[in-house]
Amino acid sequence: MSIATACVIRTLGHNVRQRALPSCLKVTAPAGAPQASNGEIGREQKRLYTKRATSDAYDVCIVGGGIVGMATARELLMRHPSLKFITVEKEDVLAAHQSGHNSGVIHAGIYYAPGSLKAKLCVEGLKLAYEYCDKNNVPYDKCGKLIVAVRPDEVPRLDALYKRGLENNVPGLRMVGPDEIKDIEPYCKGLKAIHSPNTGIVDWGEVTRSYGKTFQDMGGTVKLGQEVTGFRTTPESAPGSKDGIKYPVTVVTKKGNIQCRYAITCGGLYSDRLAEYSGCKPVPKIVPFRGEYLLLKPEKCYLVRGNIYPVPDPRFPFLGVHFTPRIDGSVWLGPNAVLAFKREGYGYTDISPSELADALSFTGLRKLVMKHFRYGLGEMYRGINIAAQVKILQNFVPELKVSDVSRGPAGVRAQALDEEGNLVDDFVFDSGKGDLGSRVLHVRNAPSPAATSSLAIAKMVADNVEQKFNL
């Protein structure tokens, strides 16, 4: 789909866009994820994903039905089709939280340190994501992205970022000036910009459900509504012995137990809690940060064709607000970043006293707040005051007005912190203690852009699993 066509379709709105898409790009709901209300999706997913389960004993149990968990389950089953796999998810739908509450961007890998794992996995993941979507009829739009310098002091950082992107082998990158910025984004104003034509947009929730469908089609089992509350182990049988059991790991859920030989957790917002169940340390700790978006009114969607991003400021912990077109035709503006009052708290009234107290008592969070106190106050203020958020966005699109936007959705980011208040920016794997620790692998941190990198991350996790468990 061309950028111009995508812009016209976006302007027409969500329902018209769905009718206007050519048959090769129409959203085809996976068998386990019909396009209906959340409740209907949940009931249908649960019915379809549980009907195959004939036994509660499995070779490998994957805990977590987000995009990393489902990608990992799919990768492992592809490598070991003779083994029996199950994925358990505490919600009644897959992708209920981070995987289904994000901006939907397919990132190209520009930002990350050259040679780093994040850079490698993102560049590889982008290629794999497009290939997967093409093969499985998941619609996407390769609408591109501009990273725009609007002040002279941002230009040197933009130049350094461009060099970093080239070192990361990001395809198609080029530097453009004010005139070319206007050619790409007619309503955007800037001094200089990086153009990334291979950056795109997709519904990562739908991608996750598609992973779940392919996993099930290959013989895997998915059980929804199964909240894990612990792990325990029983000695495995020695050859010829009548003692012990073949499936020594018990995955305890609120709705019954599951026996398996090995367990892998990809718990997102609760990844640290799951790790503690097998004796791991509580740090790195997950602290939830809510990102609140504004929504561009449908009649104003012509203002944005593709993704428009700021130049990152290394003084601050988060990227800053940006313009993000969505695959459903809408355009999101934001997000800010504020502490969530519960791990799955999408609004100011979503409060868990115990989870909030747990976060506030953590030394790492208190140190982070002290480092970035003024920044944090500004984020909170802009979350309350739409005009303040719009004022920042007007640096990029001057024609934008407060009357052009409304409050939009929100997501919650599982931010891993260490005890010094540093954002943990790398992958963290852990196991725990004793015999149980030898049979469990926890993915404690899969940092952004985990959705884009999901298939590449799955390969890395599968390599770790094969090495640790000798599959």
Protein backbone atom coordinates (compact mmCIF):
# COMPACT_ATOMS: atom_id res chain seq x y z
CA MET A 1 0.00 0.00 0.00
CA SER A 2 1.42 3.41 -0.90
CA ILE A 3 1.82 6.14 1.71
CA ALA A 4 -0.67 8.31 -0.15
CA THR A 5 -3.28 5.54 -0.25
CA ALA A 6 -2.75 4.79 3.43
CA CYS A 7 -3.22 8.49 4.27
CA VAL A 8 -6.50 8.65 2.32
CA ILE A 9 -7.79 5.50 3.97
CA ARG A 10 -6.79 6.77 7.42
CA THR A 11 -8.65 10.02 6.82
CA LEU A 12 -11.83 8.08 5.99
CA GLY A 13 -11.83 6.37 9.38
CA HIS A 14 -11.69 2.86 10.78
CA ASN A 15 -14.86 1.25 9.37
CA VAL A 16 -14.35 2.63 5.87
CA ARG A 17 -10.71 1.52 5.94
CA GLN A 18 -11.71 -2.05 6.65
CA ARG A 19 -14.08 -2.08 3.66
CA ALA A 20 -11.59 -0.28 1.44
CA LEU A 21 -8.67 -2.67 1.98
CA PRO A 22 -8.01 -4.96 -0.99
CA SER A 23 -8.68 -8.63 -0.34
CA CYS A 24 -4.98 -9.41 0.01
CA LEU A 25 -4.73 -6.95 2.92
CA LYS A 26 -8.04 -7.53 4.69
CA VAL A 27 -7.83 -8.44 8.35
CA THR A 28 -8.40 -12.16 8.58
CA ALA A 29 -9.23 -13.04 12.16
CA PRO A 30 -7.25 -16.03 13.38
CA ALA A 31 -9.39 -19.01 14.36
CA GLY A 32 -8.72 -18.26 18.02
CA ALA A 33 -9.29 -14.52 17.81
CA PRO A 34 -12.50 -13.42 16.09
CA GLN A 35 -12.87 -9.67 15.59
CA ALA A 36 -15.49 -8.94 18.21
CA SER A 37 -15.75 -7.38 21.63
CA ASN A 38 -13.14 -8.28 24.22
CA GLY A 39 -15.60 -10.49 26.05
CA GLU A 40 -16.60 -12.36 22.89
CA ILE A 41 -12.97 -12.74 21.84
CA GLY A 42 -12.15 -14.11 25.27
CA ARG A 43 -14.94 -16.68 25.28
CA GLU A 44 -14.15 -17.85 21.76
CA GLN A 45 -10.39 -17.95 22.31
CA LYS A 46 -10.88 -19.91 25.51
CA ARG A 47 -13.19 -22.42 23.80
CA LEU A 48 -10.87 -22.99 20.85
CA TYR A 49 -7.58 -22.90 22.73
CA THR A 50 -8.67 -25.37 25.42
CA LYS A 51 -10.48 -27.96 23.32
CA ARG A 52 -7.26 -29.78 22.36
CA ALA A 53 -6.05 -30.31 25.89
CA THR A 54 -6.44 -34.02 26.62
CA SER A 55 -3.79 -34.38 29.32
CA ASP A 56 -2.25 -32.17 31.95
CA ALA A 57 1.28 -33.56 31.41
CA TYR A 58 3.59 -31.82 28.96
CA ASP A 59 7.25 -31.70 28.03
CA VAL A 60 7.42 -27.89 28.21
CA CYS A 61 5.04 -25.33 29.73
CA ILE A 62 5.37 -21.70 28.64
CA VAL A 63 3.82 -19.22 31.08
CA GLY A 64 2.59 -16.02 29.45
CA GLY A 65 0.40 -15.38 26.42
CA GLY A 66 2.01 -12.15 25.29
CA ILE A 67 3.98 -11.72 22.10
CA VAL A 68 7.30 -13.02 23.49
CA GLY A 69 5.65 -16.04 25.12
CA MET A 70 3.70 -17.02 22.00
CA ALA A 71 6.66 -16.42 19.68
CA THR A 72 8.83 -18.59 21.95
CA ALA A 73 6.22 -21.35 22.10
CA ARG A 74 5.91 -21.35 18.30
CA GLU A 75 9.70 -21.42 17.78
CA LEU A 76 10.23 -24.29 20.20
CA LEU A 77 7.46 -26.39 18.68
CA MET A 78 8.86 -25.78 15.19
CA ARG A 79 12.23 -27.07 16.39
CA HIS A 80 10.86 -29.99 18.42
CA PRO A 81 7.60 -31.18 16.82
CA SER A 82 7.73 -34.51 18.67
CA LEU A 83 7.52 -32.84 22.08
CA LYS A 84 4.33 -31.77 23.82
CA PHE A 85 4.00 -28.03 24.55
CA ILE A 86 1.45 -25.93 26.41
CA THR A 87 1.15 -22.17 26.93
CA VAL A 88 -0.86 -20.87 29.89
CA GLU A 89 -2.16 -17.31 30.16
CA LYS A 90 -3.92 -15.77 33.16
CA GLU A 91 -6.28 -13.61 31.09
CA ASP A 92 -9.13 -14.83 28.87
CA VAL A 93 -7.42 -13.45 25.76
CA LEU A 94 -3.91 -13.50 24.36
CA ALA A 95 -2.03 -10.18 24.20
CA ALA A 96 -4.19 -8.72 26.96
CA HIS A 97 -1.63 -6.24 28.22
CA GLN A 98 1.66 -4.90 26.75
CA SER A 99 1.34 -6.83 23.49
CA GLY A 100 -2.15 -5.46 22.88
CA HIS A 101 -1.64 -1.97 24.35
CA ASN A 102 1.23 -0.46 22.40
CA SER A 103 1.71 1.98 19.54
CA GLY A 104 1.90 -0.76 16.91
CA VAL A 105 5.18 0.41 15.34
CA ILE A 106 7.48 -1.98 13.48
CA HIS A 107 10.85 -0.49 14.44
CA ALA A 108 13.89 -0.54 12.16
CA GLY A 109 16.70 -0.65 14.77
CA ILE A 110 18.12 2.88 14.58
CA TYR A 111 18.44 3.78 18.26
CA TYR A 112 20.45 0.94 19.77
CA ALA A 113 24.19 0.74 20.41
CA PRO A 114 26.03 -0.79 17.42
CA GLY A 115 26.86 -4.42 18.02
CA SER A 116 24.37 -4.71 20.88
CA LEU A 117 21.92 -7.55 21.15
CA LYS A 118 19.00 -5.11 20.92
CA ALA A 119 20.28 -3.70 17.62
CA LYS A 120 20.87 -7.14 16.10
CA LEU A 121 17.54 -8.56 17.24
CA CYS A 122 15.56 -5.52 16.06
CA VAL A 123 17.04 -5.49 12.55
CA GLU A 124 16.56 -9.25 12.25
CA GLY A 125 13.12 -9.07 13.88
CA LEU A 126 11.86 -6.43 11.44
CA LYS A 127 12.71 -8.67 8.48
CA LEU A 128 11.13 -11.72 10.13
CA ALA A 129 8.01 -9.75 11.12
CA TYR A 130 7.31 -8.60 7.57
CA GLU A 131 7.91 -12.11 6.25
CA TYR A 132 5.56 -13.59 8.85
CA CYS A 133 2.82 -11.06 8.15
CA ASP A 134 3.06 -11.68 4.40
CA LYS A 135 2.86 -15.44 4.87
CA ASN A 136 0.01 -15.37 7.40
CA ASN A 137 -2.15 -12.59 5.90
CA VAL A 138 -1.64 -10.15 8.77
CA PRO A 139 -2.08 -6.60 7.40
CA TYR A 140 0.62 -3.99 7.91
CA ASP A 141 1.57 -0.65 6.38
CA LYS A 142 5.22 0.18 5.63
CA CYS A 143 4.45 3.88 6.08
CA GLY A 144 7.95 4.99 7.06
CA LYS A 145 9.28 7.22 9.80
CA LEU A 146 10.93 10.62 10.23
CA ILE A 147 13.12 11.40 13.24
CA VAL A 148 13.04 15.19 13.17
CA ALA A 149 15.40 17.78 14.62
CA VAL A 150 13.43 20.97 15.31
CA ARG A 151 16.17 22.89 17.19
CA PRO A 152 19.83 23.52 16.24
CA ASP A 153 21.10 21.75 19.38
CA GLU A 154 19.35 18.55 18.24
CA VAL A 155 21.20 18.36 14.90
CA PRO A 156 24.48 16.90 16.27
CA ARG A 157 22.50 14.20 18.14
CA LEU A 158 20.57 13.47 14.94
CA ASP A 159 23.83 13.09 12.99
CA ALA A 160 25.16 10.69 15.62
CA LEU A 161 21.91 8.73 15.50
CA TYR A 162 22.13 8.47 11.70
CA LYS A 163 25.67 7.10 12.00
CA ARG A 164 24.45 4.59 14.57
CA GLY A 165 21.65 3.44 12.27
CA LEU A 166 24.10 2.89 9.42
CA GLU A 167 26.40 0.88 11.71
CA ASN A 168 23.38 -1.23 12.67
CA ASN A 169 22.76 -1.97 8.95
CA VAL A 170 19.28 -0.46 9.06
CA PRO A 171 18.11 -0.64 5.43
CA GLY A 172 17.15 2.43 3.41
CA LEU A 173 18.19 5.15 5.88
CA ARG A 174 18.88 8.61 4.50
CA MET A 175 19.23 12.12 5.86
CA VAL A 176 16.82 14.73 4.52
CA GLY A 177 16.53 18.51 4.78
CA PRO A 178 13.53 20.83 5.27
CA ASP A 179 12.23 20.51 1.68
CA GLU A 180 12.33 16.72 1.66
CA ILE A 181 10.71 16.64 5.09
CA LYS A 182 7.80 18.51 3.49
CA ASP A 183 7.73 16.05 0.59
CA ILE A 184 7.40 13.12 2.99
CA GLU A 185 5.23 14.82 5.62
CA PRO A 186 3.61 17.97 4.17
CA TYR A 187 2.52 19.33 7.58
CA CYS A 188 5.76 18.57 9.42
CA LYS A 189 8.38 21.24 10.05
CA GLY A 190 12.03 20.57 10.90
CA LEU A 191 15.63 21.51 10.27
CA LYS A 192 16.82 18.04 9.40
CA ALA A 193 15.52 14.48 9.69
CA ILE A 194 16.39 10.82 9.34
CA HIS A 195 14.02 9.04 6.99
CA SER A 196 13.49 5.32 7.65
CA PRO A 197 11.29 3.98 4.83
CA ASN A 198 11.14 0.44 6.24
CA THR A 199 9.56 1.41 9.55
CA GLY A 200 5.93 0.30 9.56
CA ILE A 201 2.79 -0.24 11.59
CA VAL A 202 0.85 -3.38 12.52
CA ASP A 203 -1.56 -4.58 15.19
CA TRP A 204 0.80 -6.48 17.48
CA GLY A 205 -2.16 -7.96 19.34
CA GLU A 206 -3.31 -9.59 16.12
CA VAL A 207 0.23 -10.79 15.44
CA THR A 208 0.29 -12.42 18.89
CA ARG A 209 -3.03 -14.16 18.26
CA SER A 210 -1.69 -15.34 14.91
CA TYR A 211 1.35 -16.81 16.65
CA GLY A 212 -1.09 -18.57 18.97
CA LYS A 213 -3.06 -19.97 16.06
CA THR A 214 0.03 -21.29 14.26
CA PHE A 215 1.28 -22.78 17.54
CA GLN A 216 -2.02 -24.57 18.01
CA ASP A 217 -2.21 -25.66 14.36
CA MET A 218 1.18 -27.36 14.84
CA GLY A 219 -0.19 -29.31 17.81
CA GLY A 220 0.49 -27.00 20.73
CA THR A 221 -2.05 -26.34 23.47
CA VAL A 222 -3.07 -22.92 24.83
CA LYS A 223 -5.02 -22.61 28.07
CA LEU A 224 -6.52 -19.23 28.93
CA GLY A 225 -7.73 -18.01 32.32
CA GLN A 226 -4.91 -19.91 34.11
CA GLU A 227 -3.15 -17.64 36.59
CA VAL A 228 0.08 -19.21 37.82
CA THR A 229 0.62 -18.97 41.58
CA GLY A 230 3.74 -21.08 42.03
CA PHE A 231 6.05 -23.89 40.96
CA ARG A 232 7.17 -26.99 42.75
CA THR A 233 9.11 -30.10 41.83
CA THR A 234 9.16 -33.83 42.56
CA PRO A 235 12.21 -36.02 41.87
CA GLU A 236 12.25 -37.51 38.38
CA SER A 237 12.40 -41.26 37.86
CA ALA A 238 15.78 -42.88 37.36
CA PRO A 239 15.91 -45.42 34.50
CA GLY A 240 14.22 -48.62 35.67
CA SER A 241 13.13 -47.06 38.95
CA LYS A 242 9.57 -47.12 40.26
CA ASP A 243 10.16 -43.98 42.30
CA GLY A 244 9.55 -40.43 41.14
CA ILE A 245 7.62 -39.18 38.11
CA LYS A 246 8.37 -38.43 34.48
CA TYR A 247 6.99 -34.87 34.69
CA PRO A 248 8.55 -33.52 37.89
CA VAL A 249 7.62 -29.81 37.60
CA THR A 250 4.22 -28.77 38.86
CA VAL A 251 2.94 -25.44 37.54
CA VAL A 252 0.36 -24.39 40.11
CA THR A 253 -2.57 -22.31 38.83
CA LYS A 254 -5.74 -21.07 40.44
CA LYS A 255 -7.69 -23.56 38.34
CA GLY A 256 -5.56 -26.68 38.81
CA ASN A 257 -2.06 -27.95 38.30
CA ILE A 258 -0.09 -28.71 35.15
CA GLN A 259 2.69 -31.28 35.13
CA CYS A 260 5.71 -30.77 32.88
CA ARG A 261 9.37 -31.59 32.51
CA TYR A 262 10.45 -27.95 32.05
CA ALA A 263 8.87 -24.50 32.42
CA ILE A 264 9.61 -21.16 30.74
CA THR A 265 8.10 -17.90 31.91
CA CYS A 266 7.55 -14.80 29.78
CA GLY A 267 5.47 -12.89 32.29
CA GLY A 268 5.85 -9.26 31.21
CA LEU A 269 4.46 -7.07 33.98
CA TYR A 270 4.72 -9.95 36.47
CA SER A 271 8.00 -11.45 35.27
CA ASP A 272 9.80 -10.66 38.55
CA ARG A 273 7.02 -12.22 40.64
CA LEU A 274 7.11 -15.42 38.56
CA ALA A 275 10.89 -15.57 38.95
CA GLU A 276 10.63 -15.30 42.73
CA TYR A 277 8.39 -18.41 42.75
CA SER A 278 11.47 -20.52 41.94
CA GLY A 279 13.81 -18.76 44.38
CA CYS A 280 15.18 -15.93 42.21
CA LYS A 281 16.09 -12.57 43.70
CA PRO A 282 13.46 -9.79 43.49
CA VAL A 283 15.81 -7.52 41.49
CA PRO A 284 15.64 -6.47 38.70
CA LYS A 285 12.21 -5.32 39.75
CA ILE A 286 9.35 -4.51 37.43
CA VAL A 287 7.92 -1.02 37.95
CA PRO A 288 4.88 -0.19 35.80
CA PHE A 289 4.88 3.07 33.84
CA ARG A 290 1.69 4.14 32.11
CA GLY A 291 1.90 5.83 28.72
CA GLU A 292 -1.13 7.98 27.89
CA TYR A 293 -1.94 8.87 24.28
CA LEU A 294 -3.98 11.58 22.63
CA LEU A 295 -6.14 10.67 19.66
CA LEU A 296 -6.18 12.78 16.50
CA LYS A 297 -9.75 13.42 15.38
CA PRO A 298 -10.65 11.53 12.17
CA GLU A 299 -11.14 14.69 10.10
CA LYS A 300 -7.58 15.77 11.02
CA CYS A 301 -5.76 12.52 10.18
CA TYR A 302 -4.54 14.10 6.93
CA LEU A 303 -1.96 15.93 9.06
CA VAL A 304 0.09 12.72 9.49
CA ARG A 305 1.17 10.19 6.85
CA GLY A 306 3.75 8.11 8.69
CA ASN A 307 5.56 8.01 12.02
CA ILE A 308 7.05 11.33 13.21
CA TYR A 309 9.49 11.00 16.11
CA PRO A 310 11.66 13.39 18.14
CA VAL A 311 15.43 13.18 18.47
CA PRO A 312 16.07 11.27 21.72
CA ASP A 313 17.48 13.31 24.60
CA PRO A 314 19.95 11.22 26.62
CA ARG A 315 19.22 13.29 29.74
CA PHE A 316 15.78 11.72 30.07
CA PRO A 317 14.81 8.08 30.61
CA PHE A 318 12.05 7.86 27.97
CA LEU A 319 11.85 8.78 24.30
CA GLY A 320 9.22 11.54 24.29
CA VAL A 321 5.99 12.15 22.40
CA HIS A 322 5.56 11.22 18.76
CA PHE A 323 2.96 10.85 16.01
CA THR A 324 1.90 7.27 15.24
CA PRO A 325 -0.61 6.24 12.56
CA ARG A 326 -2.45 3.04 13.36
CA ILE A 327 -3.40 0.11 11.16
CA ASP A 328 -7.09 0.76 11.98
CA GLY A 329 -6.89 4.25 10.45
CA SER A 330 -6.54 6.28 13.65
CA VAL A 331 -3.54 8.39 14.67
CA TRP A 332 -2.10 8.34 18.19
CA LEU A 333 -0.09 11.22 19.67
CA GLY A 334 2.17 10.63 22.64
CA PRO A 335 2.78 8.97 25.00
CA ASN A 336 3.85 10.56 28.23
CA ALA A 337 5.30 8.30 30.94
CA VAL A 338 3.94 8.29 34.50
CA LEU A 339 4.03 5.77 37.33
CA ALA A 340 1.03 3.43 37.15
CA PHE A 341 -0.76 2.79 40.43
CA LYS A 342 -1.01 -0.94 39.71
CA ARG A 343 0.83 -3.23 37.35
CA GLU A 344 -2.09 -3.41 34.99
CA GLY A 345 -3.46 0.05 35.72
CA TYR A 346 -4.51 1.88 32.57
CA GLY A 347 -6.06 4.90 34.30
CA TYR A 348 -5.64 7.12 37.35
CA THR A 349 -8.49 5.31 39.11
CA ASP A 350 -6.88 1.88 38.62
CA ILE A 351 -5.17 1.48 41.98
CA SER A 352 -3.76 -1.50 43.84
CA PRO A 353 -2.63 -0.32 47.29
CA SER A 354 -0.35 -3.34 47.75
CA GLU A 355 1.30 -3.01 44.32
CA LEU A 356 1.68 0.75 44.67
CA ALA A 357 3.24 0.38 48.12
CA ASP A 358 5.55 -2.31 46.74
CA ALA A 359 6.74 0.00 43.96
CA LEU A 360 7.17 3.06 46.19
CA SER A 361 9.13 1.09 48.79
CA PHE A 362 11.67 -0.03 46.18
CA THR A 363 14.96 1.81 46.52
CA GLY A 364 15.54 1.77 42.78
CA LEU A 365 12.33 3.64 42.03
CA ARG A 366 13.03 6.28 44.68
CA LYS A 367 16.50 6.87 43.18
CA LEU A 368 15.04 7.11 39.67
CA VAL A 369 12.50 9.69 40.87
CA MET A 370 15.21 11.77 42.52
CA LYS A 371 17.33 11.71 39.35
CA HIS A 372 14.47 12.85 37.13
CA PHE A 373 12.16 14.69 39.53
CA ARG A 374 11.42 17.71 37.30
CA TYR A 375 11.02 15.49 34.25
CA GLY A 376 8.54 13.31 36.09
CA LEU A 377 6.49 16.31 37.23
CA GLY A 378 6.39 17.54 33.64
CA GLU A 379 5.16 14.16 32.41
CA MET A 380 2.38 14.15 35.01
CA TYR A 381 1.39 17.73 34.15
CA ARG A 382 1.22 16.97 30.43
CA GLY A 383 -0.86 13.90 31.17
CA ILE A 384 -3.44 16.07 32.92
CA ASN A 385 -3.19 19.14 30.68
CA ILE A 386 -3.85 18.29 27.02
CA ALA A 387 -2.79 21.77 25.89
CA ALA A 388 0.67 21.26 27.37
CA GLN A 389 1.06 18.00 25.44
CA VAL A 390 -0.17 19.61 22.22
CA LYS A 391 2.31 22.47 22.64
CA ILE A 392 5.21 20.01 22.38
CA LEU A 393 3.62 18.27 19.40
CA GLN A 394 3.24 21.63 17.62
CA ASN A 395 7.04 21.82 17.38
CA PHE A 396 6.71 19.15 14.70
CA VAL A 397 3.27 19.86 13.21
CA PRO A 398 2.54 23.58 13.79
CA GLU A 399 -0.97 23.35 12.34
CA LEU A 400 -2.08 20.99 15.14
CA LYS A 401 -4.61 22.54 17.55
CA VAL A 402 -5.94 21.49 20.93
CA SER A 403 -9.39 21.16 19.33
CA ASP A 404 -7.94 18.54 16.92
CA VAL A 405 -7.33 15.95 19.64
CA SER A 406 -9.12 14.01 22.34
CA ARG A 407 -7.96 11.73 25.11
CA GLY A 408 -6.97 8.35 23.76
CA PRO A 409 -5.90 4.93 25.00
CA ALA A 410 -3.12 4.06 27.41
CA GLY A 411 -0.60 1.28 27.79
CA VAL A 412 1.54 0.09 30.68
CA ARG A 413 5.23 -0.64 30.22
CA ALA A 414 6.97 -3.26 32.35
CA GLN A 415 10.11 -1.31 33.16
CA ALA A 416 12.83 -3.32 34.86
CA LEU A 417 14.89 -1.31 37.37
CA ASP A 418 18.00 -2.15 39.35
CA GLU A 419 18.62 -1.01 42.92
CA GLU A 420 20.51 2.10 41.76
CA GLY A 421 17.51 3.41 39.84
CA ASN A 422 18.89 2.50 36.42
CA LEU A 423 16.59 1.30 33.67
CA VAL A 424 17.65 -2.25 32.80
CA ASP A 425 18.18 -2.06 29.07
CA ASP A 426 19.26 -5.60 28.31
CA PHE A 427 17.79 -9.09 28.36
CA VAL A 428 17.75 -10.85 31.71
CA PHE A 429 17.39 -14.61 32.09
CA ASP A 430 17.15 -16.32 35.46
CA SER A 431 16.31 -19.71 36.94
CA GLY A 432 16.37 -19.94 40.72
CA LYS A 433 17.62 -22.48 43.18
CA GLY A 434 17.84 -26.22 43.57
CA ASP A 435 16.28 -28.88 41.38
CA LEU A 436 13.43 -26.54 40.45
CA GLY A 437 15.86 -23.91 39.25
CA SER A 438 17.48 -26.46 36.95
CA ARG A 439 14.14 -26.99 35.22
CA VAL A 440 12.86 -23.42 34.91
CA LEU A 441 13.96 -20.51 32.71
CA HIS A 442 12.57 -17.04 33.37
CA VAL A 443 12.66 -14.29 30.74
CA ARG A 444 12.80 -11.48 33.30
CA ASN A 445 13.33 -8.61 30.89
CA ALA A 446 12.70 -8.42 27.15
CA PRO A 447 13.14 -4.67 26.52
CA SER A 448 11.56 -2.59 23.80
CA PRO A 449 11.33 -3.13 20.89
CA ALA A 450 10.28 -6.62 22.00
CA ALA A 451 7.28 -6.77 19.67
CA THR A 452 9.30 -5.98 16.54
CA SER A 453 12.05 -8.33 17.71
CA SER A 454 9.70 -11.08 18.93
CA LEU A 455 10.59 -13.75 16.37
CA ALA A 456 14.31 -13.02 16.74
CA ILE A 457 13.98 -13.01 20.54
CA ALA A 458 12.16 -16.35 20.32
CA LYS A 459 15.15 -17.86 18.53
CA MET A 460 17.48 -16.59 21.25
CA VAL A 461 15.22 -17.89 24.04
CA ALA A 462 14.90 -21.25 22.27
CA ASP A 463 18.70 -21.47 22.02
CA ASN A 464 18.94 -20.84 25.77
CA VAL A 465 16.24 -23.43 26.47
CA GLU A 466 17.95 -26.06 24.33
CA GLN A 467 21.27 -25.46 26.02
CA LYS A 468 19.88 -25.36 29.56
CA PHE A 469 17.47 -28.30 29.26
CA ASN A 470 19.38 -30.30 26.65
CA LEU A 471 16.25 -30.72 24.53
